């Protein structure tokens, strides 16, 4: 991506009101919170979470890393005491909310940057599509979205949210395998969003998906995706207690995978906790 484009996008996100952890909170998590979470016996930790009726834990036990747990983290207003600690003070839920703000702003501005109206946004592994719905409401240029997922579980929730925000007539939920994306679309997408899925896929799966996606994208179309790092310090907790197994890749690695499918001109934007980067790339010729 040209230095001018990078500068422009940096200006887009400069005034985002991110959540941050101060020095004292970071120190306490490093010396106390993270070791307890990571090394307390997993059975004991799960028992405590059941006893305190943690909705975040229950959502992850039913579907590790699934859309319900994502919504709980995104909303940031849990009811149970355990969830107030996990969601309110946890590094990953906080970073997820930052990622949502960052991805939403970038998508909205990419929509506004288009040279035509009724911009088409394609969301892969959509779940309820919260970020896309947010972007449709923030953008000044009119856009519509196709949201594809292999499970219809979250579609009703997404439609309800879209209705609340006045964009239900601009979202279309499609049940299908994103590797078969050419069979699921009526028109080519101007922007593709694949936030929150790469960390659950192998390199080979990512390449297969982005190759299929590149085949339906016109030259110059944008793709928005994210990386995740172990900076949160609680991977052991997520694996042992929640059953969430994530694959960590740096920006260079993930850009290399997408480069194999014909994407380039990347620009990466970190959220302040250092857990996620949101990356924008372009479909090359």
C-alpha atoms as a PDB file:
ATOM      1  CA  UNK A   1       0.000   0.000   0.000  1.00  0.00           C
ATOM      2  CA  UNK A   2       1.336   3.434  -0.851  1.00  0.00           C
ATOM      3  CA  UNK A   3       2.578   5.654   1.954  1.00  0.00           C
ATOM      4  CA  UNK A   4      -0.247   8.063   1.121  1.00  0.00           C
ATOM      5  CA  UNK A   5      -2.882   5.334   1.530  1.00  0.00           C
ATOM      6  CA  UNK A   6      -1.256   4.195   4.782  1.00  0.00           C
ATOM      7  CA  UNK A   7      -1.282   7.771   6.067  1.00  0.00           C
ATOM      8  CA  UNK A   8      -4.915   8.223   5.064  1.00  0.00           C
ATOM      9  CA  UNK A   9      -5.987   5.061   6.866  1.00  0.00           C
ATOM     10  CA  UNK A  10      -3.965   6.013   9.932  1.00  0.00           C
ATOM     11  CA  UNK A  11      -5.936   9.258  10.036  1.00  0.00           C
ATOM     12  CA  UNK A  12      -9.173   7.265   9.847  1.00  0.00           C
ATOM     13  CA  UNK A  13      -8.417   5.443  13.108  1.00  0.00           C
ATOM     14  CA  UNK A  14      -6.510   8.128  14.996  1.00  0.00           C
ATOM     15  CA  UNK A  15      -9.423   9.290  17.169  1.00  0.00           C
ATOM     16  CA  UNK A  16     -10.859   5.878  18.129  1.00  0.00           C
ATOM     17  CA  UNK A  17     -11.664   5.688  21.837  1.00  0.00           C
ATOM     18  CA  UNK A  18      -9.829   2.457  22.655  1.00  0.00           C
ATOM     19  CA  UNK A  19      -9.908   0.699  26.017  1.00  0.00           C
ATOM     20  CA  UNK A  20      -6.489   0.488  27.647  1.00  0.00           C
ATOM     21  CA  UNK A  21      -4.918  -1.108  30.709  1.00  0.00           C
ATOM     22  CA  UNK A  22      -2.815   1.157  32.889  1.00  0.00           C
ATOM     23  CA  UNK A  23       0.627   0.202  34.256  1.00  0.00           C
ATOM     24  CA  UNK A  24      -0.763  -1.014  37.603  1.00  0.00           C
ATOM     25  CA  UNK A  25      -3.385  -3.270  36.010  1.00  0.00           C
ATOM     26  CA  UNK A  26      -0.812  -4.716  33.599  1.00  0.00           C
ATOM     27  CA  UNK A  27       1.596  -5.415  36.462  1.00  0.00           C
ATOM     28  CA  UNK A  28      -1.081  -7.094  38.580  1.00  0.00           C
ATOM     29  CA  UNK A  29      -2.154  -9.276  35.668  1.00  0.00           C
ATOM     30  CA  UNK A  30       1.447 -10.293  34.957  1.00  0.00           C
ATOM     31  CA  UNK A  31       2.405 -11.218  38.527  1.00  0.00           C
ATOM     32  CA  UNK A  32      -0.958 -12.380  39.885  1.00  0.00           C
ATOM     33  CA  UNK A  33      -3.931 -12.665  37.537  1.00  0.00           C
ATOM     34  CA  UNK A  34      -2.353 -14.535  34.636  1.00  0.00           C
ATOM     35  CA  UNK A  35      -0.471 -17.127  36.759  1.00  0.00           C
ATOM     36  CA  UNK A  36      -3.655 -17.934  38.704  1.00  0.00           C
ATOM     37  CA  UNK A  37      -5.701 -18.262  35.509  1.00  0.00           C
ATOM     38  CA  UNK A  38      -3.052 -20.336  33.756  1.00  0.00           C
ATOM     39  CA  UNK A  39      -1.990 -22.680  36.559  1.00  0.00           C
ATOM     40  CA  UNK A  40      -4.968 -23.173  38.873  1.00  0.00           C
ATOM     41  CA  UNK A  41      -6.189 -26.755  38.266  1.00  0.00           C
ATOM     42  CA  UNK A  42      -8.522 -26.638  35.283  1.00  0.00           C
ATOM     43  CA  UNK A  43     -11.213 -28.709  37.003  1.00  0.00           C
ATOM     44  CA  UNK A  44     -11.266 -26.357  39.972  1.00  0.00           C
ATOM     45  CA  UNK A  45     -11.450 -23.305  37.707  1.00  0.00           C
ATOM     46  CA  UNK A  46     -14.318 -24.799  35.690  1.00  0.00           C
ATOM     47  CA  UNK A  47     -16.125 -25.670  38.913  1.00  0.00           C
ATOM     48  CA  UNK A  48     -15.837 -22.093  40.165  1.00  0.00           C
ATOM     49  CA  UNK A  49     -17.144 -20.752  36.873  1.00  0.00           C
ATOM     50  CA  UNK A  50     -20.119 -23.136  36.993  1.00  0.00           C
ATOM     51  CA  UNK A  51     -20.814 -22.193  40.606  1.00  0.00           C
ATOM     52  CA  UNK A  52     -20.823 -18.488  39.729  1.00  0.00           C
ATOM     53  CA  UNK A  53     -22.975 -19.160  36.631  1.00  0.00           C
ATOM     54  CA  UNK A  54     -20.519 -17.607  34.193  1.00  0.00           C
ATOM     55  CA  UNK A  55     -22.323 -17.011  30.902  1.00  0.00           C
ATOM     56  CA  UNK A  56     -19.005 -16.497  29.101  1.00  0.00           C
ATOM     57  CA  UNK A  57     -17.733 -19.881  30.255  1.00  0.00           C
ATOM     58  CA  UNK A  58     -21.001 -21.634  29.370  1.00  0.00           C
ATOM     59  CA  UNK A  59     -20.960 -20.104  25.887  1.00  0.00           C
ATOM     60  CA  UNK A  60     -17.408 -21.285  25.282  1.00  0.00           C
ATOM     61  CA  UNK A  61     -18.041 -24.770  26.617  1.00  0.00           C
ATOM     62  CA  UNK A  62     -20.956 -25.092  24.204  1.00  0.00           C
ATOM     63  CA  UNK A  63     -19.045 -23.610  21.257  1.00  0.00           C
ATOM     64  CA  UNK A  64     -15.405 -22.676  21.960  1.00  0.00           C
ATOM     65  CA  UNK A  65     -14.687 -19.215  20.568  1.00  0.00           C
ATOM     66  CA  UNK A  66     -18.174 -19.067  19.050  1.00  0.00           C
ATOM     67  CA  UNK A  67     -20.434 -16.139  18.344  1.00  0.00           C
ATOM     68  CA  UNK A  68     -22.259 -16.126  21.685  1.00  0.00           C
ATOM     69  CA  UNK A  69     -19.051 -15.696  23.661  1.00  0.00           C
ATOM     70  CA  UNK A  70     -17.997 -13.025  21.157  1.00  0.00           C
ATOM     71  CA  UNK A  71     -21.210 -11.078  21.751  1.00  0.00           C
ATOM     72  CA  UNK A  72     -20.701 -11.247  25.530  1.00  0.00           C
ATOM     73  CA  UNK A  73     -17.170  -9.874  25.154  1.00  0.00           C
ATOM     74  CA  UNK A  74     -18.188  -7.247  22.602  1.00  0.00           C
ATOM     75  CA  UNK A  75     -21.064  -5.911  24.690  1.00  0.00           C
ATOM     76  CA  UNK A  76     -18.873  -5.711  27.791  1.00  0.00           C
ATOM     77  CA  UNK A  77     -21.857  -5.574  30.173  1.00  0.00           C
ATOM     78  CA  UNK A  78     -22.091  -9.011  31.813  1.00  0.00           C
ATOM     79  CA  UNK A  79     -24.486  -9.773  34.643  1.00  0.00           C
ATOM     80  CA  UNK A  80     -22.561 -12.382  36.620  1.00  0.00           C
ATOM     81  CA  UNK A  81     -19.736 -11.506  39.016  1.00  0.00           C
ATOM     82  CA  UNK A  82     -17.265 -13.895  37.378  1.00  0.00           C
ATOM     83  CA  UNK A  83     -18.035 -12.434  33.963  1.00  0.00           C
ATOM     84  CA  UNK A  84     -17.600  -8.895  35.237  1.00  0.00           C
ATOM     85  CA  UNK A  85     -14.024  -9.891  36.063  1.00  0.00           C
ATOM     86  CA  UNK A  86     -13.384 -11.957  32.930  1.00  0.00           C
ATOM     87  CA  UNK A  87     -15.021  -9.575  30.471  1.00  0.00           C
ATOM     88  CA  UNK A  88     -14.346  -6.267  32.173  1.00  0.00           C
ATOM     89  CA  UNK A  89     -10.730  -6.831  33.190  1.00  0.00           C
ATOM     90  CA  UNK A  90      -9.661  -9.674  30.897  1.00  0.00           C
ATOM     91  CA  UNK A  91      -7.109  -8.745  28.263  1.00  0.00           C
ATOM     92  CA  UNK A  92      -8.664 -10.751  25.429  1.00  0.00           C
ATOM     93  CA  UNK A  93     -12.254  -9.471  25.856  1.00  0.00           C
ATOM     94  CA  UNK A  94     -10.921  -5.913  26.115  1.00  0.00           C
ATOM     95  CA  UNK A  95      -8.759  -6.416  23.028  1.00  0.00           C
ATOM     96  CA  UNK A  96     -11.769  -7.895  21.210  1.00  0.00           C
ATOM     97  CA  UNK A  97     -13.731  -4.720  21.857  1.00  0.00           C
ATOM     98  CA  UNK A  98     -10.787  -2.703  20.572  1.00  0.00           C
ATOM     99  CA  UNK A  99     -10.636  -4.912  17.482  1.00  0.00           C
ATOM    100  CA  UNK A 100     -14.329  -4.335  16.899  1.00  0.00           C
ATOM    101  CA  UNK A 101     -13.879  -0.557  17.037  1.00  0.00           C
ATOM    102  CA  UNK A 102     -10.840  -0.678  14.762  1.00  0.00           C
ATOM    103  CA  UNK A 103     -12.321  -3.020  12.151  1.00  0.00           C
ATOM    104  CA  UNK A 104     -15.619  -1.131  12.138  1.00  0.00           C
ATOM    105  CA  UNK A 105     -13.921   2.199  11.498  1.00  0.00           C
ATOM    106  CA  UNK A 106     -11.743   0.807   8.705  1.00  0.00           C
ATOM    107  CA  UNK A 107     -14.697  -0.896   7.006  1.00  0.00           C
ATOM    108  CA  UNK A 108     -16.861   2.222   7.248  1.00  0.00           C
ATOM    109  CA  UNK A 109     -14.166   4.414   5.715  1.00  0.00           C
ATOM    110  CA  UNK A 110     -13.449   1.880   2.973  1.00  0.00           C
ATOM    111  CA  UNK A 111     -17.157   2.012   2.126  1.00  0.00           C
ATOM    112  CA  UNK A 112     -17.023   5.814   2.038  1.00  0.00           C
ATOM    113  CA  UNK A 113     -13.917   5.691  -0.167  1.00  0.00           C
ATOM    114  CA  UNK A 114     -15.698   3.730  -2.921  1.00  0.00           C
ATOM    115  CA  UNK A 115     -16.419   5.547  -6.178  1.00  0.00           C
ATOM    116  CA  UNK A 116     -20.012   4.302  -6.397  1.00  0.00           C
ATOM    117  CA  UNK A 117     -23.085   3.856  -4.215  1.00  0.00           C
ATOM    118  CA  UNK A 118     -24.545   0.609  -2.884  1.00  0.00           C
ATOM    119  CA  UNK A 119     -21.120  -0.761  -2.004  1.00  0.00           C
ATOM    120  CA  UNK A 120     -21.138  -4.549  -1.556  1.00  0.00           C
ATOM    121  CA  UNK A 121     -19.483  -5.893   1.608  1.00  0.00           C
ATOM    122  CA  UNK A 122     -18.901  -9.644   1.910  1.00  0.00           C
ATOM    123  CA  UNK A 123     -18.497 -11.057   5.422  1.00  0.00           C
ATOM    124  CA  UNK A 124     -16.892 -14.504   5.741  1.00  0.00           C
ATOM    125  CA  UNK A 125     -17.565 -16.683   8.780  1.00  0.00           C
ATOM    126  CA  UNK A 126     -20.053 -14.014   9.706  1.00  0.00           C
ATOM    127  CA  UNK A 127     -21.793 -15.175  12.851  1.00  0.00           C
ATOM    128  CA  UNK A 128     -24.305 -12.382  13.554  1.00  0.00           C
ATOM    129  CA  UNK A 129     -22.160  -9.857  11.665  1.00  0.00           C
ATOM    130  CA  UNK A 130     -21.854  -7.254  14.416  1.00  0.00           C
ATOM    131  CA  UNK A 131     -18.863  -5.453  12.907  1.00  0.00           C
ATOM    132  CA  UNK A 132     -20.431  -5.248   9.455  1.00  0.00           C
ATOM    133  CA  UNK A 133     -23.718  -3.968  10.888  1.00  0.00           C
ATOM    134  CA  UNK A 134     -21.770  -1.336  12.834  1.00  0.00           C
ATOM    135  CA  UNK A 135     -19.903  -0.336   9.669  1.00  0.00           C
ATOM    136  CA  UNK A 136     -23.107   0.000   7.635  1.00  0.00           C
ATOM    137  CA  UNK A 137     -24.489   2.383  10.250  1.00  0.00           C
ATOM    138  CA  UNK A 138     -21.272   4.422  10.495  1.00  0.00           C
ATOM    139  CA  UNK A 139     -20.587   4.798   6.772  1.00  0.00           C
ATOM    140  CA  UNK A 140     -21.958   7.861   5.009  1.00  0.00           C
ATOM    141  CA  UNK A 141     -22.131   6.084   1.636  1.00  0.00           C
ATOM    142  CA  UNK A 142     -24.893   3.506   1.237  1.00  0.00           C
ATOM    143  CA  UNK A 143     -23.764  -0.115   1.319  1.00  0.00           C
ATOM    144  CA  UNK A 144     -25.239  -3.584   1.631  1.00  0.00           C
ATOM    145  CA  UNK A 145     -23.740  -6.793   2.956  1.00  0.00           C
ATOM    146  CA  UNK A 146     -23.765 -10.505   2.247  1.00  0.00           C
ATOM    147  CA  UNK A 147     -22.953 -12.449   5.408  1.00  0.00           C
ATOM    148  CA  UNK A 148     -21.937 -16.080   4.931  1.00  0.00           C
ATOM    149  CA  UNK A 149     -21.591 -18.729   7.613  1.00  0.00           C
ATOM    150  CA  UNK A 150     -21.594 -22.504   7.666  1.00  0.00           C
ATOM    151  CA  UNK A 151     -24.083 -22.407  10.577  1.00  0.00           C
ATOM    152  CA  UNK A 152     -27.354 -20.425  10.709  1.00  0.00           C
ATOM    153  CA  UNK A 153     -27.225 -20.254  14.512  1.00  0.00           C
ATOM    154  CA  UNK A 154     -26.500 -16.523  14.724  1.00  0.00           C
ATOM    155  CA  UNK A 155     -28.624 -15.284  11.828  1.00  0.00           C
ATOM    156  CA  UNK A 156     -31.757 -14.478  13.851  1.00  0.00           C
ATOM    157  CA  UNK A 157     -29.719 -12.518  16.379  1.00  0.00           C
ATOM    158  CA  UNK A 158     -27.975 -10.645  13.559  1.00  0.00           C
ATOM    159  CA  UNK A 159     -31.251  -9.792  11.827  1.00  0.00           C
ATOM    160  CA  UNK A 160     -32.703  -8.532  15.105  1.00  0.00           C
ATOM    161  CA  UNK A 161     -29.676  -6.314  15.691  1.00  0.00           C
ATOM    162  CA  UNK A 162     -29.747  -5.038  12.102  1.00  0.00           C
ATOM    163  CA  UNK A 163     -33.426  -4.170  12.536  1.00  0.00           C
ATOM    164  CA  UNK A 164     -32.674  -2.245  15.725  1.00  0.00           C
ATOM    165  CA  UNK A 165     -30.034  -0.242  13.854  1.00  0.00           C
ATOM    166  CA  UNK A 166     -32.198   0.367  10.797  1.00  0.00           C
ATOM    167  CA  UNK A 167     -30.182  -1.629   8.258  1.00  0.00           C
ATOM    168  CA  UNK A 168     -32.060  -4.940   8.127  1.00  0.00           C
ATOM    169  CA  UNK A 169     -32.995  -4.255   4.495  1.00  0.00           C
ATOM    170  CA  UNK A 170     -29.290  -4.053   3.648  1.00  0.00           C
ATOM    171  CA  UNK A 171     -28.070  -7.362   5.065  1.00  0.00           C
ATOM    172  CA  UNK A 172     -28.487 -10.821   3.548  1.00  0.00           C
ATOM    173  CA  UNK A 173     -27.498 -13.893   5.549  1.00  0.00           C
ATOM    174  CA  UNK A 174     -26.427 -16.895   3.494  1.00  0.00           C
ATOM    175  CA  UNK A 175     -25.907 -20.435   4.757  1.00  0.00           C
ATOM    176  CA  UNK A 176     -22.942 -22.005   3.025  1.00  0.00           C
ATOM    177  CA  UNK A 177     -19.283 -22.969   2.952  1.00  0.00           C
ATOM    178  CA  UNK A 178     -17.099 -19.933   2.277  1.00  0.00           C
ATOM    179  CA  UNK A 179     -14.835 -22.091   0.129  1.00  0.00           C
ATOM    180  CA  UNK A 180     -17.760 -22.239  -2.324  1.00  0.00           C
ATOM    181  CA  UNK A 181     -18.220 -18.479  -2.327  1.00  0.00           C
ATOM    182  CA  UNK A 182     -18.492 -18.239  -6.113  1.00  0.00           C
ATOM    183  CA  UNK A 183     -21.768 -20.199  -5.902  1.00  0.00           C
ATOM    184  CA  UNK A 184     -23.231 -17.996  -3.157  1.00  0.00           C
ATOM    185  CA  UNK A 185     -22.924 -14.463  -4.556  1.00  0.00           C
ATOM    186  CA  UNK A 186     -25.074 -12.531  -7.008  1.00  0.00           C
ATOM    187  CA  UNK A 187     -22.587  -9.684  -7.494  1.00  0.00           C
ATOM    188  CA  UNK A 188     -18.848  -9.283  -6.820  1.00  0.00           C
ATOM    189  CA  UNK A 189     -17.870  -7.753  -3.463  1.00  0.00           C
ATOM    190  CA  UNK A 190     -16.117  -4.410  -3.172  1.00  0.00           C
ATOM    191  CA  UNK A 191     -14.875  -5.218   0.331  1.00  0.00           C
ATOM    192  CA  UNK A 192     -14.326  -8.569   2.054  1.00  0.00           C
ATOM    193  CA  UNK A 193     -14.251  -8.855   5.838  1.00  0.00           C
ATOM    194  CA  UNK A 194     -12.761 -11.946   7.502  1.00  0.00           C
ATOM    195  CA  UNK A 195     -12.271 -10.805  11.073  1.00  0.00           C
ATOM    196  CA  UNK A 196     -12.055 -13.431  13.801  1.00  0.00           C
ATOM    197  CA  UNK A 197     -11.652 -16.562  11.715  1.00  0.00           C
ATOM    198  CA  UNK A 198      -7.974 -16.946  10.768  1.00  0.00           C
ATOM    199  CA  UNK A 199      -6.950 -17.823  14.332  1.00  0.00           C
ATOM    200  CA  UNK A 200      -9.127 -20.946  14.119  1.00  0.00           C
ATOM    201  CA  UNK A 201      -7.822 -22.130  10.741  1.00  0.00           C
ATOM    202  CA  UNK A 202      -4.699 -23.862   9.476  1.00  0.00           C
ATOM    203  CA  UNK A 203      -2.441 -22.195   6.925  1.00  0.00           C
ATOM    204  CA  UNK A 204      -3.806 -24.528   4.267  1.00  0.00           C
ATOM    205  CA  UNK A 205      -7.418 -23.676   5.098  1.00  0.00           C
ATOM    206  CA  UNK A 206      -6.686 -19.947   4.965  1.00  0.00           C
ATOM    207  CA  UNK A 207      -5.023 -20.258   1.562  1.00  0.00           C
ATOM    208  CA  UNK A 208      -7.952 -22.295   0.216  1.00  0.00           C
ATOM    209  CA  UNK A 209     -10.473 -19.728   1.459  1.00  0.00           C
ATOM    210  CA  UNK A 210      -8.649 -16.633   0.227  1.00  0.00           C
ATOM    211  CA  UNK A 211      -7.980 -18.223  -3.162  1.00  0.00           C
ATOM    212  CA  UNK A 212     -11.709 -18.869  -3.549  1.00  0.00           C
ATOM    213  CA  UNK A 213     -12.475 -15.353  -2.356  1.00  0.00           C
ATOM    214  CA  UNK A 214      -9.944 -13.742  -4.673  1.00  0.00           C
ATOM    215  CA  UNK A 215     -11.713 -15.439  -7.563  1.00  0.00           C
ATOM    216  CA  UNK A 216     -14.867 -13.368  -7.006  1.00  0.00           C
ATOM    217  CA  UNK A 217     -13.176 -10.044  -6.189  1.00  0.00           C
ATOM    218  CA  UNK A 218     -12.418  -7.371  -8.787  1.00  0.00           C
ATOM    219  CA  UNK A 219      -8.964  -5.853  -9.010  1.00  0.00           C
ATOM    220  CA  UNK A 220      -8.435  -3.241  -6.296  1.00  0.00           C
ATOM    221  CA  UNK A 221     -11.143  -4.601  -3.983  1.00  0.00           C
ATOM    222  CA  UNK A 222     -10.236  -4.540  -0.280  1.00  0.00           C
ATOM    223  CA  UNK A 223      -9.916  -7.370   2.206  1.00  0.00           C
ATOM    224  CA  UNK A 224      -9.888  -6.796   5.977  1.00  0.00           C
ATOM    225  CA  UNK A 225      -8.577  -9.458   8.354  1.00  0.00           C
ATOM    226  CA  UNK A 226      -6.778  -9.741  11.691  1.00  0.00           C
ATOM    227  CA  UNK A 227      -3.792 -11.317  13.362  1.00  0.00           C
ATOM    228  CA  UNK A 228      -3.575 -12.381  16.995  1.00  0.00           C
ATOM    229  CA  UNK A 229      -0.514 -12.582  19.257  1.00  0.00           C
ATOM    230  CA  UNK A 230       0.090 -14.264  22.607  1.00  0.00           C
ATOM    231  CA  UNK A 231       0.570 -10.853  24.238  1.00  0.00           C
ATOM    232  CA  UNK A 232      -2.587 -11.472  26.284  1.00  0.00           C
ATOM    233  CA  UNK A 233      -0.637 -14.006  28.357  1.00  0.00           C
ATOM    234  CA  UNK A 234      -3.499 -16.423  29.033  1.00  0.00           C
ATOM    235  CA  UNK A 235      -3.375 -18.940  26.190  1.00  0.00           C
ATOM    236  CA  UNK A 236      -2.961 -21.782  28.690  1.00  0.00           C
ATOM    237  CA  UNK A 237      -6.180 -20.706  30.453  1.00  0.00           C
ATOM    238  CA  UNK A 238      -8.144 -20.552  27.208  1.00  0.00           C
ATOM    239  CA  UNK A 239      -6.971 -24.003  26.133  1.00  0.00           C
ATOM    240  CA  UNK A 240      -7.401 -25.775  29.481  1.00  0.00           C
ATOM    241  CA  UNK A 241     -10.527 -24.098  30.842  1.00  0.00           C
ATOM    242  CA  UNK A 242     -12.531 -22.868  27.834  1.00  0.00           C
ATOM    243  CA  UNK A 243     -11.307 -25.373  25.241  1.00  0.00           C
ATOM    244  CA  UNK A 244     -10.285 -22.606  22.829  1.00  0.00           C
ATOM    245  CA  UNK A 245      -7.267 -23.460  20.684  1.00  0.00           C
ATOM    246  CA  UNK A 246      -5.995 -20.524  18.653  1.00  0.00           C
ATOM    247  CA  UNK A 247      -3.200 -20.323  16.101  1.00  0.00           C
ATOM    248  CA  UNK A 248      -0.947 -17.318  16.540  1.00  0.00           C
ATOM    249  CA  UNK A 249       0.566 -15.680  13.474  1.00  0.00           C
ATOM    250  CA  UNK A 250       2.344 -12.382  13.066  1.00  0.00           C
ATOM    251  CA  UNK A 251       1.433  -9.847  10.400  1.00  0.00           C
ATOM    252  CA  UNK A 252       4.183 -10.953   8.014  1.00  0.00           C
ATOM    253  CA  UNK A 253       3.102 -14.606   8.150  1.00  0.00           C
ATOM    254  CA  UNK A 254      -0.566 -13.905   7.488  1.00  0.00           C
ATOM    255  CA  UNK A 255       0.197 -11.394   4.745  1.00  0.00           C
ATOM    256  CA  UNK A 256       2.340 -14.067   3.122  1.00  0.00           C
ATOM    257  CA  UNK A 257      -0.570 -16.510   3.084  1.00  0.00           C
ATOM    258  CA  UNK A 258      -2.873 -13.960   1.459  1.00  0.00           C
ATOM    259  CA  UNK A 259      -0.118 -12.995  -0.934  1.00  0.00           C
ATOM    260  CA  UNK A 260      -0.263 -16.525  -2.341  1.00  0.00           C
ATOM    261  CA  UNK A 261      -3.836 -15.774  -3.437  1.00  0.00           C
ATOM    262  CA  UNK A 262      -3.003 -12.514  -5.176  1.00  0.00           C
ATOM    263  CA  UNK A 263      -3.417  -9.980  -2.379  1.00  0.00           C
ATOM    264  CA  UNK A 264      -0.940  -7.243  -1.554  1.00  0.00           C
ATOM    265  CA  UNK A 265      -0.496  -3.570  -0.660  1.00  0.00           C
ATOM    266  CA  UNK A 266      -1.124  -4.376   2.989  1.00  0.00           C
ATOM    267  CA  UNK A 267      -1.467  -1.905   5.851  1.00  0.00           C
ATOM    268  CA  UNK A 268      -1.599  -3.141   9.465  1.00  0.00           C
ATOM    269  CA  UNK A 269      -3.165  -1.313  12.406  1.00  0.00           C
ATOM    270  CA  UNK A 270      -2.586  -2.560  15.982  1.00  0.00           C
ATOM    271  CA  UNK A 271      -5.009  -2.135  18.836  1.00  0.00           C
ATOM    272  CA  UNK A 272      -3.318  -0.710  21.956  1.00  0.00           C
ATOM    273  CA  UNK A 273      -3.150  -3.910  24.028  1.00  0.00           C
ATOM    274  CA  UNK A 274      -0.962  -5.525  21.374  1.00  0.00           C
ATOM    275  CA  UNK A 275      -3.167  -8.604  21.003  1.00  0.00           C
ATOM    276  CA  UNK A 276      -4.707  -7.885  17.596  1.00  0.00           C
ATOM    277  CA  UNK A 277      -3.700  -6.201  14.373  1.00  0.00           C
ATOM    278  CA  UNK A 278      -6.384  -5.387  11.840  1.00  0.00           C
ATOM    279  CA  UNK A 279      -4.922  -5.554   8.344  1.00  0.00           C
ATOM    280  CA  UNK A 280      -6.238  -4.109   5.086  1.00  0.00           C
ATOM    281  CA  UNK A 281      -5.072  -5.531   1.759  1.00  0.00           C
ATOM    282  CA  UNK A 282      -5.998  -5.154  -1.893  1.00  0.00           C
ATOM    283  CA  UNK A 283      -6.785  -7.637  -4.637  1.00  0.00           C
ATOM    284  CA  UNK A 284      -3.964  -7.216  -7.120  1.00  0.00           C
ATOM    285  CA  UNK A 285      -4.294  -7.554 -10.903  1.00  0.00           C
END
